[in-house]
N, C-alpha and C. Protein backbone atom coordinates (compact mmCIF):
# COMPACT_ATOMS: atom_id res chain seq x y z
N MET A 1 6.54 11.14 -9.17
CA MET A 1 7.52 10.30 -8.21
C MET A 1 7.59 8.98 -8.58
N ALA A 2 8.52 8.37 -8.87
CA ALA A 2 8.58 6.77 -9.09
C ALA A 2 8.40 5.98 -8.00
N THR A 3 8.11 4.72 -8.21
CA THR A 3 7.66 3.78 -7.05
C THR A 3 8.95 3.52 -6.32
N VAL A 4 8.84 3.02 -5.03
CA VAL A 4 9.96 2.92 -4.29
C VAL A 4 9.89 1.40 -3.94
N GLU A 5 11.11 0.67 -4.18
CA GLU A 5 11.20 -0.71 -3.73
C GLU A 5 11.17 -0.85 -2.20
N LEU A 6 10.28 -1.31 -1.85
CA LEU A 6 10.37 -1.88 -0.32
C LEU A 6 10.88 -3.13 -0.09
N THR A 7 11.79 -3.20 1.27
CA THR A 7 12.46 -4.45 1.38
C THR A 7 12.20 -4.47 3.15
N THR A 8 12.72 -5.87 3.61
CA THR A 8 12.62 -5.57 5.04
C THR A 8 13.53 -4.61 5.64
N ALA A 9 14.46 -4.06 4.94
CA ALA A 9 15.38 -3.23 5.53
C ALA A 9 15.05 -1.89 5.56
N ASN A 10 14.01 -1.19 4.60
CA ASN A 10 13.40 0.12 4.74
C ASN A 10 11.95 0.02 4.82
N PHE A 11 11.02 -1.17 5.09
CA PHE A 11 9.85 -0.91 5.25
C PHE A 11 9.13 -0.19 6.28
N ASP A 12 9.63 -0.66 7.55
CA ASP A 12 9.30 0.25 8.79
C ASP A 12 9.41 1.65 8.57
N GLU A 13 10.75 2.01 8.17
CA GLU A 13 11.03 3.53 7.95
C GLU A 13 10.18 4.23 7.07
N VAL A 14 9.97 3.52 5.93
CA VAL A 14 9.09 4.28 4.86
C VAL A 14 7.73 4.36 5.13
N THR A 15 6.98 3.02 5.82
CA THR A 15 5.75 3.25 6.09
C THR A 15 5.36 3.68 7.62
N GLY A 16 6.40 4.07 8.33
CA GLY A 16 5.95 4.43 9.79
C GLY A 16 6.09 6.06 9.95
N SER A 17 6.29 6.79 8.65
CA SER A 17 6.43 8.33 9.01
C SER A 17 4.96 8.75 8.49
N ASP A 18 4.79 10.14 8.87
CA ASP A 18 3.54 10.80 8.59
C ASP A 18 3.61 10.71 7.10
N GLY A 19 1.99 10.71 6.89
CA GLY A 19 1.73 10.82 5.37
C GLY A 19 1.23 9.55 4.72
N ILE A 20 0.84 9.52 3.59
CA ILE A 20 0.09 8.11 2.86
C ILE A 20 1.21 7.47 2.16
N VAL A 21 1.07 6.06 2.22
CA VAL A 21 1.96 5.18 1.69
C VAL A 21 1.09 4.23 1.22
N LEU A 22 1.15 3.93 -0.24
CA LEU A 22 0.36 2.85 -0.65
C LEU A 22 1.55 1.61 -1.07
N VAL A 23 1.12 0.55 -0.73
CA VAL A 23 2.08 -0.42 -0.86
C VAL A 23 1.23 -1.61 -1.93
N ASP A 24 2.01 -2.04 -3.13
CA ASP A 24 1.71 -3.00 -3.85
C ASP A 24 2.58 -4.13 -3.74
N PHE A 25 1.75 -5.10 -3.28
CA PHE A 25 2.72 -6.53 -3.02
C PHE A 25 2.23 -7.22 -4.46
N TRP A 26 3.42 -7.49 -4.92
CA TRP A 26 3.50 -8.43 -6.41
C TRP A 26 4.64 -9.30 -6.49
N ALA A 27 4.48 -9.87 -7.61
CA ALA A 27 5.59 -10.80 -8.19
C ALA A 27 5.89 -10.88 -9.59
N GLU A 28 7.04 -11.10 -10.10
CA GLU A 28 7.51 -11.17 -11.46
C GLU A 28 6.46 -12.02 -12.17
N TRP A 29 6.12 -13.13 -11.55
CA TRP A 29 5.30 -14.23 -12.67
C TRP A 29 3.59 -13.97 -12.37
N CYS A 30 3.42 -13.00 -11.78
CA CYS A 30 1.89 -12.54 -11.78
C CYS A 30 1.37 -11.75 -13.00
N GLY A 31 0.74 -12.51 -13.72
CA GLY A 31 -0.06 -11.65 -14.84
C GLY A 31 -0.90 -10.43 -14.32
N PRO A 32 -1.90 -10.63 -13.39
CA PRO A 32 -2.67 -9.24 -12.84
C PRO A 32 -1.57 -8.26 -12.45
N CYS A 33 -0.60 -8.64 -11.54
CA CYS A 33 0.28 -7.57 -11.33
C CYS A 33 0.85 -6.94 -12.38
N LYS A 34 1.30 -7.46 -13.26
CA LYS A 34 2.12 -6.75 -14.70
C LYS A 34 0.99 -5.77 -15.26
N ARG A 35 -0.37 -6.33 -15.30
CA ARG A 35 -1.25 -5.48 -15.79
C ARG A 35 -1.51 -4.19 -14.94
N PHE A 36 -1.36 -4.55 -13.63
CA PHE A 36 -1.60 -3.45 -12.88
C PHE A 36 -0.48 -2.30 -12.58
N ALA A 37 0.66 -2.69 -12.84
CA ALA A 37 1.85 -1.80 -12.70
C ALA A 37 1.82 -0.65 -13.45
N PRO A 38 1.42 -0.48 -14.75
CA PRO A 38 1.42 0.85 -15.13
C PRO A 38 0.29 1.84 -14.57
N VAL A 39 -1.05 1.07 -14.20
CA VAL A 39 -2.06 1.79 -13.41
C VAL A 39 -1.20 2.48 -12.28
N TYR A 40 -0.71 1.77 -11.64
CA TYR A 40 -0.07 2.15 -10.09
C TYR A 40 1.10 3.30 -10.56
N GLU A 41 1.81 3.01 -11.55
CA GLU A 41 2.81 4.12 -11.99
C GLU A 41 2.18 5.19 -12.32
N ARG A 42 1.30 5.33 -13.04
CA ARG A 42 0.55 6.70 -13.62
C ARG A 42 -0.20 7.26 -12.27
N SER A 43 -0.72 6.52 -11.44
CA SER A 43 -1.38 7.11 -10.09
C SER A 43 -0.06 7.82 -9.37
N SER A 44 0.97 7.04 -9.16
CA SER A 44 2.18 7.57 -8.79
C SER A 44 2.80 8.90 -8.94
N GLU A 45 2.76 9.03 -10.44
CA GLU A 45 2.85 10.46 -11.23
C GLU A 45 1.92 11.53 -10.95
N LYS A 46 0.51 11.13 -10.55
CA LYS A 46 -0.44 12.14 -10.40
C LYS A 46 -0.30 12.75 -8.82
N HIS A 47 0.24 11.85 -7.87
CA HIS A 47 0.32 12.24 -6.58
C HIS A 47 1.77 11.95 -6.04
N PRO A 48 2.35 13.24 -6.18
CA PRO A 48 3.68 13.15 -5.80
C PRO A 48 3.87 13.54 -4.31
N ASP A 49 2.81 13.80 -3.54
CA ASP A 49 2.59 13.86 -2.07
C ASP A 49 2.54 12.30 -1.46
N ILE A 50 2.10 11.39 -2.24
CA ILE A 50 2.15 10.09 -1.89
C ILE A 50 3.20 9.05 -1.81
N VAL A 51 3.64 8.33 -1.15
CA VAL A 51 4.74 7.36 -1.58
C VAL A 51 4.24 6.17 -1.97
N PHE A 52 4.54 5.83 -3.34
CA PHE A 52 4.01 4.44 -3.71
C PHE A 52 4.99 3.33 -3.56
N GLY A 53 5.05 2.50 -3.11
CA GLY A 53 6.10 1.43 -2.80
C GLY A 53 5.41 0.01 -3.46
N LYS A 54 6.34 -0.69 -3.63
CA LYS A 54 6.31 -1.93 -4.32
C LYS A 54 7.05 -3.12 -3.40
N VAL A 55 6.36 -4.14 -3.08
CA VAL A 55 7.14 -5.13 -2.39
C VAL A 55 7.08 -6.62 -3.35
N ASP A 56 8.30 -6.80 -3.89
CA ASP A 56 8.40 -8.00 -4.52
C ASP A 56 8.20 -9.16 -3.60
N THR A 57 7.20 -9.92 -3.68
CA THR A 57 6.83 -10.98 -2.61
C THR A 57 7.85 -12.16 -2.88
N GLU A 58 8.53 -12.43 -3.99
CA GLU A 58 9.56 -13.62 -4.21
C GLU A 58 10.65 -13.22 -3.48
N ALA A 59 11.17 -12.04 -3.49
CA ALA A 59 12.57 -11.32 -3.01
C ALA A 59 12.05 -10.96 -1.74
N GLN A 60 10.97 -10.56 -1.15
CA GLN A 60 10.84 -10.21 0.38
C GLN A 60 9.76 -11.31 0.86
N GLN A 61 10.11 -12.42 0.92
CA GLN A 61 8.98 -13.34 1.53
C GLN A 61 8.76 -13.06 2.92
N GLU A 62 9.75 -12.62 3.57
CA GLU A 62 9.43 -12.04 5.15
C GLU A 62 8.41 -11.16 5.17
N LEU A 63 8.10 -10.28 4.24
CA LEU A 63 7.22 -9.10 4.43
C LEU A 63 5.98 -9.90 3.95
N GLY A 64 6.07 -10.46 2.84
CA GLY A 64 4.88 -11.39 2.51
C GLY A 64 4.03 -12.05 3.56
N ALA A 65 4.96 -12.77 4.21
CA ALA A 65 4.51 -13.59 5.65
C ALA A 65 4.02 -12.64 6.80
N LYS A 66 4.72 -11.73 6.86
CA LYS A 66 4.44 -10.66 8.12
C LYS A 66 3.00 -9.92 8.03
N PHE A 67 2.63 -9.68 6.73
CA PHE A 67 1.31 -9.05 6.57
C PHE A 67 0.37 -10.20 5.77
N ASP A 68 0.72 -11.38 5.88
CA ASP A 68 -0.25 -12.61 5.74
C ASP A 68 -0.88 -12.57 4.09
N ILE A 69 0.24 -12.08 3.08
CA ILE A 69 -0.32 -11.92 1.78
C ILE A 69 -0.40 -13.23 1.17
N ARG A 70 -1.68 -13.65 0.89
CA ARG A 70 -2.14 -15.00 0.37
C ARG A 70 -2.55 -14.85 -1.16
N SER A 71 -2.79 -13.66 -1.64
CA SER A 71 -3.21 -13.26 -2.96
C SER A 71 -2.33 -11.91 -3.42
N ILE A 72 -1.89 -12.10 -4.76
CA ILE A 72 -1.33 -10.78 -5.37
C ILE A 72 -2.00 -10.67 -6.64
N PRO A 73 -1.98 -9.05 -6.98
CA PRO A 73 -1.56 -8.09 -6.12
C PRO A 73 -2.43 -8.01 -4.87
N THR A 74 -2.04 -7.25 -4.11
CA THR A 74 -2.54 -6.99 -2.92
C THR A 74 -2.24 -5.35 -2.69
N ILE A 75 -3.05 -4.72 -2.46
CA ILE A 75 -2.81 -3.30 -2.33
C ILE A 75 -3.13 -2.72 -0.79
N MET A 76 -2.11 -2.27 -0.15
CA MET A 76 -2.32 -1.78 1.04
C MET A 76 -2.13 -0.24 1.40
N ALA A 77 -2.91 0.32 2.00
CA ALA A 77 -2.74 1.83 2.07
C ALA A 77 -2.41 2.08 3.76
N ILE A 78 -1.41 2.93 3.97
CA ILE A 78 -1.14 3.13 5.16
C ILE A 78 -0.78 4.43 5.34
N ARG A 79 -1.55 5.28 6.44
CA ARG A 79 -1.34 6.37 6.69
C ARG A 79 -1.14 6.79 8.04
N ASP A 80 -0.04 7.81 8.14
CA ASP A 80 0.54 8.13 9.56
C ASP A 80 0.78 6.89 10.44
N GLY A 81 1.70 5.80 9.60
CA GLY A 81 1.86 4.43 10.19
C GLY A 81 0.81 3.60 10.54
N VAL A 82 -0.28 3.89 10.32
CA VAL A 82 -1.47 2.90 10.62
C VAL A 82 -2.18 2.54 9.05
N ILE A 83 -2.12 1.02 9.22
CA ILE A 83 -2.58 0.25 7.96
C ILE A 83 -4.32 0.70 7.98
N VAL A 84 -4.80 1.28 6.84
CA VAL A 84 -6.15 1.69 6.82
C VAL A 84 -6.74 1.13 5.79
N PHE A 85 -6.18 0.14 4.92
CA PHE A 85 -6.87 -0.49 4.04
C PHE A 85 -5.87 -1.68 3.64
N ALA A 86 -6.19 -2.97 3.14
CA ALA A 86 -5.49 -3.92 2.55
C ALA A 86 -6.50 -4.72 1.70
N GLN A 87 -6.37 -5.02 0.59
CA GLN A 87 -7.10 -5.80 -0.38
C GLN A 87 -6.50 -6.60 -1.36
N PRO A 88 -6.77 -7.70 -1.60
CA PRO A 88 -6.01 -8.35 -2.79
C PRO A 88 -6.83 -8.12 -4.02
N GLY A 89 -6.07 -8.04 -5.36
CA GLY A 89 -6.57 -7.73 -6.39
C GLY A 89 -6.44 -6.56 -7.03
N ALA A 90 -6.32 -6.47 -8.30
CA ALA A 90 -5.72 -5.43 -9.17
C ALA A 90 -6.94 -4.46 -9.06
N LEU A 91 -6.57 -3.00 -9.01
CA LEU A 91 -7.66 -2.30 -9.08
C LEU A 91 -7.76 -1.60 -10.22
N PRO A 92 -8.92 -1.08 -10.74
CA PRO A 92 -8.95 -0.21 -12.09
C PRO A 92 -8.52 1.24 -11.68
N GLU A 93 -8.09 2.03 -12.44
CA GLU A 93 -7.45 3.50 -12.32
C GLU A 93 -8.30 4.03 -11.56
N SER A 94 -9.69 4.01 -11.77
CA SER A 94 -10.78 4.95 -11.12
C SER A 94 -10.82 4.41 -9.57
N ALA A 95 -10.91 3.21 -9.41
CA ALA A 95 -10.98 2.64 -8.01
C ALA A 95 -9.91 2.85 -7.34
N LEU A 96 -8.48 2.72 -8.00
CA LEU A 96 -7.31 3.30 -7.20
C LEU A 96 -7.30 4.89 -6.78
N GLU A 97 -7.85 5.73 -7.65
CA GLU A 97 -7.83 6.97 -7.47
C GLU A 97 -8.94 7.19 -6.32
N ASN A 98 -10.14 6.59 -6.21
CA ASN A 98 -11.15 6.42 -5.09
C ASN A 98 -10.53 6.23 -3.92
N LEU A 99 -9.98 5.18 -3.71
CA LEU A 99 -9.16 4.73 -2.70
C LEU A 99 -8.09 5.84 -2.04
N ILE A 100 -7.33 6.53 -2.94
CA ILE A 100 -6.49 7.52 -2.57
C ILE A 100 -7.28 8.64 -1.91
N GLU A 101 -8.52 9.11 -2.83
CA GLU A 101 -9.32 10.15 -1.83
C GLU A 101 -9.70 9.61 -0.32
N GLN A 102 -10.35 8.56 -0.52
CA GLN A 102 -10.81 8.08 0.81
C GLN A 102 -9.82 8.03 1.69
N VAL A 103 -8.64 7.79 1.50
CA VAL A 103 -7.54 7.70 2.48
C VAL A 103 -7.12 9.30 2.95
N GLN A 104 -7.17 9.97 1.96
CA GLN A 104 -6.68 11.31 2.28
C GLN A 104 -7.88 12.00 3.05
N ALA A 105 -9.04 11.65 2.90
CA ALA A 105 -10.27 12.20 3.49
C ALA A 105 -10.33 11.68 5.05
N LEU A 106 -9.48 10.62 5.65
CA LEU A 106 -9.71 9.98 6.73
C LEU A 106 -9.41 11.00 8.09
N ASP A 107 -10.18 10.87 8.87
CA ASP A 107 -9.79 11.59 10.11
C ASP A 107 -8.94 10.72 11.19
N MET A 108 -7.70 10.78 11.11
CA MET A 108 -6.81 10.05 11.69
C MET A 108 -6.98 9.88 13.27
N GLU A 109 -7.48 11.06 13.70
CA GLU A 109 -7.37 10.96 15.24
C GLU A 109 -8.72 10.12 15.46
N ASP A 110 -9.85 10.11 14.55
CA ASP A 110 -10.64 9.04 14.86
C ASP A 110 -10.40 7.60 14.55
N VAL A 111 -9.73 7.37 13.69
CA VAL A 111 -9.13 6.15 13.26
C VAL A 111 -8.28 5.64 14.26
N ARG A 112 -7.43 6.42 15.00
CA ARG A 112 -6.76 6.03 16.20
C ARG A 112 -7.60 5.81 17.44
N LYS A 113 -8.44 6.44 17.72
CA LYS A 113 -9.47 6.49 18.83
C LYS A 113 -10.40 4.90 18.54
N GLN A 114 -10.52 4.58 17.39
CA GLN A 114 -11.22 3.37 17.16
C GLN A 114 -10.27 2.19 17.23
N LEU A 115 -9.05 2.39 16.90
CA LEU A 115 -8.15 1.15 17.15
C LEU A 115 -8.00 1.21 18.69
N ALA A 116 -7.72 2.24 19.51
CA ALA A 116 -7.42 2.04 20.79
C ALA A 116 -8.91 1.39 21.37
N GLU A 117 -10.04 1.53 20.95
CA GLU A 117 -11.19 0.80 21.43
C GLU A 117 -11.06 -0.52 21.37
N HIS A 118 -10.90 -0.86 20.27
CA HIS A 118 -10.73 -2.32 19.69
C HIS A 118 -9.78 -3.31 20.52
N LYS A 119 -8.78 -2.48 20.82
CA LYS A 119 -7.65 -3.22 21.82
C LYS A 119 -8.02 -3.61 23.18
N HIS A 120 -9.17 -2.80 23.63
CA HIS A 120 -9.40 -3.37 24.95
C HIS A 120 -10.30 -4.35 25.24
């Protein structure tokens, strides 16, 4: 599956559904972003069950601000509408695959329980 362009218009719809969504915050002028792009694309082809989204931080400044993106690329993992990982920096392919495995292995019931406890 090819990557999906995420915008303010479709971000909540795409990331709010069940399943895993990875988001790559990037910009055209960013060298590390350009080097990371083929790694991200290859991973998207290996995992057709995962949505791989890209946010162009120049075109979608509102989304960059909403998630306080200060460094790009930043990778964010969202599972069942919950942000479970966010970290700046391009990941090597092995680290990206490891991240995907960890997100797939999460017990979302436990994650929601922990989130609820932190809100009190």
